[in-house]
């Protein structure tokens, strides 16, 4: 909410100085869903996800089978065999957890592969947006599909130096 108010405040300030601003927006989600390159990249990611989920399912089924067997037989197991089986179950749980993190965690293979496949597509879209903005002489271009994101701004509307100057004065 603060971001939105800040952006609106800046826009109102800029609008009061120059009432002839030209603003455009895009819906990057719509663009990406209709772009064949993005669909190809998503299909590759989906296939990879399905493969990893199948492997994870096999591991989980193996754990469940061993656990069910353990539950049925634990009363007749020797203490040594019970401890050994419990260790195997814990080791298998750890293996499943590690696999899940390696594939689907925040720094996992899925994140890396998604970046590898989607970054060129996103860069292509971004470059075209900039070209269109320049061609139409737009001052600002927003992406309406998520948070308010400036995809393009004319340099003349950058007030960063003024803000820095004011901060220096306040010191």
N, C-alpha and C. Protein backbone atom coordinates (compact mmCIF):
# COMPACT_ATOMS: atom_id res chain seq x y z
N UNK A 1 0.83 -1.19 0.00
CA UNK A 1 0.00 0.00 0.00
C UNK A 1 0.87 1.25 0.00
N UNK A 2 1.98 1.21 0.79
CA UNK A 2 2.87 2.36 0.83
C UNK A 2 3.50 2.60 -0.53
N UNK A 3 3.82 1.49 -1.24
CA UNK A 3 4.39 1.63 -2.57
C UNK A 3 3.43 2.36 -3.50
N UNK A 4 2.17 1.95 -3.44
CA UNK A 4 1.16 2.54 -4.30
C UNK A 4 1.01 4.03 -4.00
N UNK A 5 0.94 4.39 -2.72
CA UNK A 5 0.83 5.80 -2.35
C UNK A 5 2.06 6.60 -2.80
N UNK A 6 3.23 5.99 -2.64
CA UNK A 6 4.46 6.65 -3.06
C UNK A 6 4.46 6.89 -4.57
N UNK A 7 4.08 5.87 -5.33
CA UNK A 7 4.04 5.99 -6.79
C UNK A 7 3.01 7.05 -7.20
N UNK A 8 1.85 7.03 -6.56
CA UNK A 8 0.83 8.02 -6.89
C UNK A 8 1.29 9.44 -6.55
N UNK A 9 1.97 9.59 -5.42
CA UNK A 9 2.51 10.88 -5.03
C UNK A 9 3.51 11.39 -6.06
N UNK A 10 4.38 10.52 -6.49
CA UNK A 10 5.37 10.92 -7.50
C UNK A 10 4.66 11.28 -8.80
N UNK A 11 3.69 10.48 -9.20
CA UNK A 11 2.97 10.78 -10.43
C UNK A 11 2.23 12.11 -10.35
N UNK A 12 1.59 12.36 -9.22
CA UNK A 12 0.89 13.64 -9.05
C UNK A 12 1.87 14.81 -9.10
N UNK A 13 3.02 14.64 -8.49
CA UNK A 13 4.04 15.69 -8.52
C UNK A 13 4.48 15.95 -9.94
N UNK A 14 4.77 14.85 -10.66
CA UNK A 14 5.22 14.99 -12.04
C UNK A 14 4.10 15.56 -12.90
N UNK A 15 2.88 15.10 -12.67
CA UNK A 15 1.75 15.60 -13.46
C UNK A 15 1.51 17.09 -13.26
N UNK A 16 1.74 17.56 -12.04
CA UNK A 16 1.53 18.99 -11.80
C UNK A 16 2.58 19.82 -12.53
N UNK A 17 3.76 19.28 -12.73
CA UNK A 17 4.80 19.99 -13.45
C UNK A 17 4.55 19.94 -14.95
N UNK A 18 4.13 18.79 -15.43
CA UNK A 18 3.95 18.62 -16.86
C UNK A 18 2.68 17.81 -17.09
N UNK A 19 1.60 18.47 -17.47
CA UNK A 19 0.31 17.82 -17.60
C UNK A 19 0.19 16.98 -18.86
N UNK A 20 1.19 16.95 -19.70
CA UNK A 20 1.11 16.22 -20.96
C UNK A 20 1.89 14.90 -20.94
N UNK A 21 1.94 14.25 -19.80
CA UNK A 21 2.63 12.97 -19.72
C UNK A 21 1.86 11.90 -20.48
N UNK A 22 2.61 11.02 -21.08
CA UNK A 22 2.00 9.89 -21.77
C UNK A 22 2.39 8.63 -21.01
N UNK A 23 1.37 7.92 -20.54
CA UNK A 23 1.59 6.73 -19.73
C UNK A 23 0.96 5.53 -20.44
N UNK A 24 1.68 4.43 -20.44
CA UNK A 24 1.16 3.20 -21.01
C UNK A 24 1.29 2.08 -19.99
N UNK A 25 0.62 0.99 -20.25
CA UNK A 25 0.77 -0.17 -19.38
C UNK A 25 0.70 -1.44 -20.21
N UNK A 26 1.23 -2.49 -19.64
CA UNK A 26 1.17 -3.81 -20.26
C UNK A 26 0.71 -4.80 -19.21
N UNK A 27 0.22 -5.92 -19.66
CA UNK A 27 -0.10 -7.04 -18.79
C UNK A 27 0.88 -8.14 -19.17
N UNK A 28 1.97 -8.24 -18.44
CA UNK A 28 3.02 -9.19 -18.81
C UNK A 28 2.54 -10.63 -18.72
N UNK A 29 1.58 -10.91 -17.83
CA UNK A 29 1.05 -12.28 -17.76
C UNK A 29 0.36 -12.66 -19.07
N UNK A 30 -0.43 -11.74 -19.62
CA UNK A 30 -1.11 -12.00 -20.89
C UNK A 30 -0.09 -12.19 -22.00
N UNK A 31 0.92 -11.35 -22.02
CA UNK A 31 1.97 -11.45 -23.05
C UNK A 31 2.65 -12.80 -22.96
N UNK A 32 3.03 -13.20 -21.74
CA UNK A 32 3.76 -14.46 -21.57
C UNK A 32 2.90 -15.68 -21.88
N UNK A 33 1.59 -15.59 -21.63
CA UNK A 33 0.74 -16.74 -21.94
C UNK A 33 0.50 -16.88 -23.45
N UNK A 34 0.66 -15.79 -24.19
CA UNK A 34 0.43 -15.84 -25.63
C UNK A 34 1.71 -15.95 -26.45
N UNK A 35 2.85 -15.88 -25.81
CA UNK A 35 4.13 -15.94 -26.51
C UNK A 35 4.59 -17.39 -26.64
N UNK A 36 4.80 -17.88 -27.86
CA UNK A 36 5.21 -19.28 -28.06
C UNK A 36 6.50 -19.65 -27.32
N UNK A 37 7.46 -18.75 -27.28
CA UNK A 37 8.72 -19.04 -26.57
C UNK A 37 8.46 -19.31 -25.09
N UNK A 38 7.58 -18.54 -24.50
CA UNK A 38 7.25 -18.72 -23.08
C UNK A 38 6.51 -20.04 -22.87
N UNK A 39 5.62 -20.38 -23.79
CA UNK A 39 4.88 -21.64 -23.69
C UNK A 39 5.84 -22.83 -23.80
N UNK A 40 6.82 -22.73 -24.70
CA UNK A 40 7.82 -23.80 -24.84
C UNK A 40 8.63 -23.96 -23.56
N UNK A 41 9.05 -22.84 -23.01
CA UNK A 41 9.83 -22.87 -21.76
C UNK A 41 9.00 -23.47 -20.63
N UNK A 42 7.72 -23.08 -20.55
CA UNK A 42 6.85 -23.61 -19.50
C UNK A 42 6.62 -25.11 -19.69
N UNK A 43 6.49 -25.56 -20.92
CA UNK A 43 6.30 -26.98 -21.20
C UNK A 43 7.52 -27.79 -20.74
N UNK A 44 8.71 -27.24 -20.99
CA UNK A 44 9.94 -27.91 -20.54
C UNK A 44 9.98 -27.98 -19.02
N UNK A 45 9.60 -26.88 -18.37
CA UNK A 45 9.57 -26.86 -16.90
C UNK A 45 8.54 -27.85 -16.36
N UNK A 46 7.37 -27.90 -16.98
CA UNK A 46 6.32 -28.81 -16.53
C UNK A 46 6.77 -30.27 -16.64
N UNK A 47 7.46 -30.60 -17.74
CA UNK A 47 7.95 -31.97 -17.92
C UNK A 47 8.98 -32.32 -16.85
N UNK A 48 9.85 -31.38 -16.56
CA UNK A 48 10.87 -31.59 -15.52
C UNK A 48 10.22 -31.76 -14.15
N UNK A 49 9.24 -30.93 -13.87
CA UNK A 49 8.53 -31.02 -12.59
C UNK A 49 7.83 -32.37 -12.46
N UNK A 50 7.19 -32.81 -13.52
CA UNK A 50 6.49 -34.11 -13.49
C UNK A 50 7.47 -35.24 -13.23
N UNK A 51 8.63 -35.17 -13.88
CA UNK A 51 9.66 -36.21 -13.68
C UNK A 51 10.14 -36.23 -12.23
N UNK A 52 10.41 -35.06 -11.67
CA UNK A 52 10.90 -34.99 -10.29
C UNK A 52 9.81 -35.40 -9.30
N UNK A 53 8.57 -35.02 -9.58
CA UNK A 53 7.48 -35.41 -8.68
C UNK A 53 7.26 -36.92 -8.71
N UNK A 54 7.43 -37.53 -9.87
CA UNK A 54 7.30 -38.99 -9.97
C UNK A 54 8.38 -39.68 -9.14
N UNK A 55 9.60 -39.18 -9.24
CA UNK A 55 10.69 -39.74 -8.44
C UNK A 55 10.42 -39.56 -6.95
N UNK A 56 9.92 -38.41 -6.58
CA UNK A 56 9.59 -38.13 -5.18
C UNK A 56 8.47 -39.07 -4.70
N UNK A 57 7.50 -39.29 -5.55
CA UNK A 57 6.40 -40.19 -5.21
C UNK A 57 6.91 -41.60 -4.98
N UNK A 58 7.84 -42.06 -5.83
CA UNK A 58 8.43 -43.40 -5.66
C UNK A 58 9.14 -43.50 -4.31
N UNK A 59 9.89 -42.46 -3.98
CA UNK A 59 10.62 -42.46 -2.70
C UNK A 59 9.64 -42.48 -1.52
N UNK A 60 8.59 -41.70 -1.61
CA UNK A 60 7.60 -41.65 -0.54
C UNK A 60 6.86 -42.98 -0.40
N UNK A 61 6.55 -43.61 -1.54
CA UNK A 61 5.90 -44.93 -1.50
C UNK A 61 6.82 -45.97 -0.87
N UNK A 62 8.10 -45.90 -1.20
CA UNK A 62 9.08 -46.82 -0.61
C UNK A 62 9.11 -46.62 0.91
N UNK A 63 9.12 -45.36 1.35
CA UNK A 63 9.13 -45.08 2.79
C UNK A 63 7.86 -45.63 3.44
N UNK A 64 6.70 -45.38 2.80
CA UNK A 64 5.43 -45.83 3.37
C UNK A 64 5.38 -47.35 3.47
N UNK A 65 5.86 -48.03 2.44
CA UNK A 65 5.87 -49.50 2.46
C UNK A 65 6.74 -50.00 3.61
N UNK A 66 7.93 -49.42 3.75
CA UNK A 66 8.83 -49.83 4.83
C UNK A 66 8.23 -49.50 6.20
N UNK A 67 7.57 -48.34 6.29
CA UNK A 67 6.98 -47.95 7.56
C UNK A 67 5.82 -48.87 7.93
N UNK A 68 4.96 -49.17 6.97
CA UNK A 68 3.84 -50.07 7.23
C UNK A 68 4.34 -51.44 7.66
N UNK A 69 5.37 -51.93 6.98
CA UNK A 69 5.97 -53.21 7.36
C UNK A 69 6.54 -53.15 8.77
N UNK A 70 7.21 -52.05 9.07
CA UNK A 70 7.78 -51.85 10.41
C UNK A 70 6.68 -51.87 11.47
N UNK A 71 5.59 -51.14 11.21
CA UNK A 71 4.49 -51.07 12.16
C UNK A 71 3.89 -52.45 12.43
N UNK A 72 3.78 -53.26 11.38
CA UNK A 72 3.21 -54.60 11.54
C UNK A 72 4.14 -55.52 12.34
N UNK A 73 5.43 -55.35 12.16
CA UNK A 73 6.38 -56.31 12.72
C UNK A 73 7.17 -55.81 13.92
N UNK A 74 6.97 -54.57 14.34
CA UNK A 74 7.84 -54.01 15.39
C UNK A 74 7.73 -54.75 16.73
N UNK A 75 6.57 -55.32 17.02
CA UNK A 75 6.40 -56.02 18.29
C UNK A 75 7.16 -57.34 18.33
N UNK A 76 7.39 -57.94 17.18
CA UNK A 76 8.12 -59.21 17.16
C UNK A 76 9.59 -59.05 16.77
N UNK A 77 10.01 -57.82 16.50
CA UNK A 77 11.40 -57.55 16.13
C UNK A 77 12.28 -57.52 17.38
N UNK A 78 13.51 -57.90 17.16
CA UNK A 78 14.48 -57.74 18.25
C UNK A 78 14.77 -56.25 18.38
N UNK A 79 15.29 -55.86 19.52
CA UNK A 79 15.61 -54.45 19.74
C UNK A 79 16.59 -53.95 18.69
N UNK A 80 17.57 -54.78 18.38
CA UNK A 80 18.58 -54.39 17.39
C UNK A 80 17.95 -54.17 16.01
N UNK A 81 17.07 -55.10 15.60
CA UNK A 81 16.42 -55.00 14.30
C UNK A 81 15.47 -53.79 14.26
N UNK A 82 14.77 -53.52 15.37
CA UNK A 82 13.87 -52.38 15.43
C UNK A 82 14.65 -51.08 15.29
N UNK A 83 15.75 -50.95 16.02
CA UNK A 83 16.59 -49.75 15.94
C UNK A 83 17.14 -49.58 14.52
N UNK A 84 17.57 -50.67 13.93
CA UNK A 84 18.12 -50.64 12.57
C UNK A 84 17.05 -50.19 11.57
N UNK A 85 15.85 -50.71 11.70
CA UNK A 85 14.75 -50.34 10.80
C UNK A 85 14.36 -48.88 11.00
N UNK A 86 14.33 -48.43 12.25
CA UNK A 86 14.01 -47.02 12.53
C UNK A 86 15.06 -46.11 11.90
N UNK A 87 16.32 -46.50 11.97
CA UNK A 87 17.39 -45.71 11.33
C UNK A 87 17.20 -45.65 9.82
N UNK A 88 16.82 -46.79 9.24
CA UNK A 88 16.58 -46.82 7.79
C UNK A 88 15.43 -45.87 7.42
N UNK A 89 14.38 -45.90 8.23
CA UNK A 89 13.24 -45.01 7.96
C UNK A 89 13.63 -43.54 8.08
N UNK A 90 14.39 -43.21 9.11
CA UNK A 90 14.85 -41.83 9.28
C UNK A 90 15.76 -41.42 8.13
N UNK A 91 16.65 -42.33 7.72
CA UNK A 91 17.56 -42.04 6.60
C UNK A 91 16.76 -41.81 5.32
N UNK A 92 15.73 -42.61 5.12
CA UNK A 92 14.90 -42.46 3.93
C UNK A 92 14.11 -41.14 3.99
N UNK A 93 13.61 -40.78 5.16
CA UNK A 93 12.93 -39.48 5.32
C UNK A 93 13.89 -38.34 4.98
N UNK A 94 15.12 -38.44 5.48
CA UNK A 94 16.12 -37.40 5.20
C UNK A 94 16.44 -37.33 3.71
N UNK A 95 16.51 -38.49 3.07
CA UNK A 95 16.78 -38.54 1.63
C UNK A 95 15.65 -37.85 0.86
N UNK A 96 14.42 -38.12 1.27
CA UNK A 96 13.25 -37.50 0.62
C UNK A 96 13.29 -35.98 0.82
N UNK A 97 13.56 -35.56 2.03
CA UNK A 97 13.61 -34.12 2.33
C UNK A 97 14.73 -33.43 1.55
N UNK A 98 15.88 -34.07 1.49
CA UNK A 98 17.01 -33.51 0.74
C UNK A 98 16.68 -33.41 -0.75
N UNK A 99 16.08 -34.46 -1.29
CA UNK A 99 15.70 -34.46 -2.70
C UNK A 99 14.71 -33.33 -2.98
N UNK A 100 13.72 -33.18 -2.11
CA UNK A 100 12.71 -32.13 -2.28
C UNK A 100 13.38 -30.76 -2.27
N UNK A 101 14.31 -30.54 -1.36
CA UNK A 101 15.02 -29.25 -1.29
C UNK A 101 15.90 -29.02 -2.52
N UNK A 102 16.60 -30.08 -2.95
CA UNK A 102 17.48 -29.94 -4.12
C UNK A 102 16.70 -29.60 -5.38
N UNK A 103 15.51 -30.15 -5.50
CA UNK A 103 14.73 -29.94 -6.72
C UNK A 103 13.80 -28.73 -6.62
N UNK A 104 13.10 -28.59 -5.48
CA UNK A 104 12.04 -27.60 -5.39
C UNK A 104 12.30 -26.47 -4.40
N UNK A 105 13.42 -26.52 -3.69
CA UNK A 105 13.73 -25.48 -2.70
C UNK A 105 14.03 -24.14 -3.33
N UNK A 106 14.19 -23.10 -2.50
CA UNK A 106 14.42 -21.74 -3.01
C UNK A 106 15.68 -21.61 -3.86
N UNK A 107 16.66 -22.45 -3.63
CA UNK A 107 17.87 -22.42 -4.45
C UNK A 107 18.01 -23.73 -5.23
N UNK A 108 16.89 -24.42 -5.41
CA UNK A 108 16.90 -25.72 -6.06
C UNK A 108 16.99 -25.64 -7.57
N UNK A 109 17.02 -26.82 -8.15
CA UNK A 109 17.18 -26.94 -9.60
C UNK A 109 16.01 -26.32 -10.36
N UNK A 110 14.80 -26.40 -9.81
CA UNK A 110 13.65 -25.80 -10.49
C UNK A 110 13.81 -24.29 -10.64
N UNK A 111 14.23 -23.63 -9.58
CA UNK A 111 14.44 -22.19 -9.63
C UNK A 111 15.52 -21.84 -10.67
N UNK A 112 16.60 -22.61 -10.66
CA UNK A 112 17.70 -22.35 -11.60
C UNK A 112 17.26 -22.60 -13.04
N UNK A 113 16.52 -23.68 -13.25
CA UNK A 113 16.06 -24.01 -14.60
C UNK A 113 15.03 -22.99 -15.08
N UNK A 114 14.17 -22.55 -14.18
CA UNK A 114 13.17 -21.54 -14.53
C UNK A 114 13.87 -20.25 -14.97
N UNK A 115 14.89 -19.86 -14.23
CA UNK A 115 15.65 -18.66 -14.59
C UNK A 115 16.33 -18.85 -15.94
N UNK A 116 16.94 -20.00 -16.12
CA UNK A 116 17.65 -20.30 -17.37
C UNK A 116 16.71 -20.25 -18.58
N UNK A 117 15.51 -20.80 -18.43
CA UNK A 117 14.58 -20.88 -19.56
C UNK A 117 13.78 -19.60 -19.77
N UNK A 118 13.40 -18.94 -18.68
CA UNK A 118 12.50 -17.79 -18.80
C UNK A 118 13.22 -16.45 -18.96
N UNK A 119 14.43 -16.35 -18.48
CA UNK A 119 15.15 -15.06 -18.55
C UNK A 119 15.28 -14.54 -19.98
N UNK A 120 15.68 -15.37 -20.96
CA UNK A 120 15.76 -14.85 -22.33
C UNK A 120 14.40 -14.38 -22.86
N UNK A 121 13.34 -15.08 -22.51
CA UNK A 121 11.99 -14.69 -22.95
C UNK A 121 11.61 -13.35 -22.31
N UNK A 122 11.84 -13.22 -21.01
CA UNK A 122 11.52 -11.98 -20.31
C UNK A 122 12.34 -10.81 -20.85
N UNK A 123 13.61 -11.05 -21.13
CA UNK A 123 14.45 -9.99 -21.71
C UNK A 123 13.93 -9.56 -23.08
N UNK A 124 13.50 -10.52 -23.88
CA UNK A 124 12.94 -10.21 -25.21
C UNK A 124 11.70 -9.32 -25.06
N UNK A 125 10.81 -9.70 -24.14
CA UNK A 125 9.58 -8.93 -23.91
C UNK A 125 9.93 -7.54 -23.41
N UNK A 126 10.84 -7.45 -22.47
CA UNK A 126 11.25 -6.16 -21.91
C UNK A 126 11.82 -5.25 -22.99
N UNK A 127 12.66 -5.78 -23.86
CA UNK A 127 13.25 -4.98 -24.94
C UNK A 127 12.19 -4.47 -25.90
N UNK A 128 11.21 -5.30 -26.22
CA UNK A 128 10.13 -4.88 -27.11
C UNK A 128 9.29 -3.80 -26.44
N UNK A 129 9.02 -3.95 -25.15
CA UNK A 129 8.27 -2.92 -24.41
C UNK A 129 9.00 -1.59 -24.48
N UNK A 130 10.31 -1.61 -24.28
CA UNK A 130 11.09 -0.37 -24.36
C UNK A 130 11.02 0.22 -25.76
N UNK A 131 11.13 -0.61 -26.78
CA UNK A 131 11.06 -0.12 -28.16
C UNK A 131 9.71 0.53 -28.44
N UNK A 132 8.64 -0.11 -28.01
CA UNK A 132 7.29 0.44 -28.22
C UNK A 132 7.14 1.76 -27.45
N UNK A 133 7.66 1.81 -26.23
CA UNK A 133 7.56 3.03 -25.42
C UNK A 133 8.28 4.19 -26.10
N UNK A 134 9.44 3.93 -26.64
CA UNK A 134 10.18 4.98 -27.34
C UNK A 134 9.44 5.39 -28.60
N UNK A 135 8.95 4.42 -29.35
CA UNK A 135 8.24 4.70 -30.59
C UNK A 135 6.97 5.53 -30.35
N UNK A 136 6.26 5.25 -29.27
CA UNK A 136 5.03 5.98 -28.96
C UNK A 136 5.28 7.23 -28.11
N UNK A 137 6.55 7.48 -27.81
CA UNK A 137 6.95 8.63 -27.00
C UNK A 137 6.26 8.63 -25.63
N UNK A 138 6.22 7.46 -24.99
CA UNK A 138 5.62 7.35 -23.66
C UNK A 138 6.62 7.79 -22.60
N UNK A 139 6.10 8.38 -21.54
CA UNK A 139 6.96 8.79 -20.44
C UNK A 139 7.15 7.65 -19.44
N UNK A 140 6.08 6.88 -19.20
CA UNK A 140 6.13 5.77 -18.25
C UNK A 140 5.37 4.59 -18.82
N UNK A 141 5.85 3.39 -18.52
CA UNK A 141 5.12 2.16 -18.83
C UNK A 141 5.11 1.31 -17.57
N UNK A 142 3.91 0.91 -17.15
CA UNK A 142 3.72 0.08 -15.97
C UNK A 142 3.34 -1.34 -16.39
N UNK A 143 3.60 -2.27 -15.49
CA UNK A 143 3.11 -3.64 -15.67
C UNK A 143 1.96 -3.82 -14.70
N UNK A 144 0.77 -4.10 -15.20
CA UNK A 144 -0.40 -4.19 -14.34
C UNK A 144 -0.64 -5.59 -13.79
N UNK A 145 0.19 -6.55 -14.15
CA UNK A 145 -0.08 -7.93 -13.75
C UNK A 145 0.34 -8.26 -12.32
N UNK A 146 1.09 -7.42 -11.67
CA UNK A 146 1.51 -7.71 -10.31
C UNK A 146 1.66 -6.43 -9.53
N UNK A 147 2.73 -6.34 -8.75
CA UNK A 147 3.02 -5.09 -8.07
C UNK A 147 3.24 -4.00 -9.12
N UNK A 148 3.11 -2.78 -8.69
CA UNK A 148 3.34 -1.68 -9.63
C UNK A 148 4.83 -1.66 -9.96
N UNK A 149 5.12 -1.91 -11.21
CA UNK A 149 6.50 -1.98 -11.66
C UNK A 149 6.65 -1.06 -12.85
N UNK A 150 7.67 -0.19 -12.77
CA UNK A 150 8.00 0.63 -13.92
C UNK A 150 8.83 -0.22 -14.87
N UNK A 151 8.36 -0.37 -16.09
CA UNK A 151 9.14 -1.09 -17.09
C UNK A 151 9.93 -0.14 -17.96
N UNK A 152 9.48 1.09 -17.98
CA UNK A 152 10.17 2.10 -18.78
C UNK A 152 9.86 3.47 -18.21
N UNK A 153 10.88 4.32 -18.13
CA UNK A 153 10.67 5.72 -17.75
C UNK A 153 11.64 6.57 -18.55
N UNK A 154 11.20 7.75 -18.88
CA UNK A 154 12.12 8.70 -19.50
C UNK A 154 13.05 9.22 -18.42
N UNK A 155 14.28 9.36 -18.75
CA UNK A 155 15.29 9.81 -17.80
C UNK A 155 14.97 11.19 -17.22
N UNK A 156 14.31 12.04 -18.00
CA UNK A 156 14.02 13.39 -17.54
C UNK A 156 13.08 13.43 -16.33
N UNK A 157 12.40 12.31 -16.05
CA UNK A 157 11.48 12.26 -14.91
C UNK A 157 12.13 11.66 -13.66
N UNK A 158 13.41 11.36 -13.74
CA UNK A 158 14.12 10.77 -12.59
C UNK A 158 14.43 11.88 -11.59
N UNK A 159 13.86 11.78 -10.40
CA UNK A 159 14.09 12.80 -9.37
C UNK A 159 15.11 12.32 -8.33
N UNK A 160 15.78 11.22 -8.59
CA UNK A 160 16.76 10.68 -7.65
C UNK A 160 17.82 11.71 -7.27
N UNK A 161 18.42 12.43 -8.23
CA UNK A 161 19.43 13.43 -7.85
C UNK A 161 18.87 14.50 -6.91
N UNK A 162 17.63 14.91 -7.14
CA UNK A 162 17.02 15.92 -6.27
C UNK A 162 16.82 15.38 -4.86
N UNK A 163 16.35 14.14 -4.75
CA UNK A 163 16.16 13.52 -3.44
C UNK A 163 17.50 13.41 -2.71
N UNK A 164 18.52 12.97 -3.43
CA UNK A 164 19.85 12.86 -2.82
C UNK A 164 20.36 14.23 -2.37
N UNK A 165 20.12 15.23 -3.20
CA UNK A 165 20.54 16.59 -2.86
C UNK A 165 19.84 17.07 -1.58
N UNK A 166 18.53 16.82 -1.51
CA UNK A 166 17.78 17.21 -0.33
C UNK A 166 18.26 16.47 0.92
N UNK A 167 18.60 15.22 0.75
CA UNK A 167 19.11 14.44 1.89
C UNK A 167 20.46 14.98 2.36
N UNK A 168 21.27 15.41 1.43
CA UNK A 168 22.57 15.99 1.79
C UNK A 168 22.37 17.31 2.56
N UNK A 169 21.39 18.08 2.14
CA UNK A 169 21.11 19.35 2.80
C UNK A 169 20.66 19.11 4.24
N UNK A 170 19.90 18.05 4.47
CA UNK A 170 19.38 17.75 5.82
C UNK A 170 20.46 17.27 6.78
N UNK A 171 21.59 16.84 6.30
CA UNK A 171 22.65 16.31 7.18
C UNK A 171 23.21 17.35 8.11
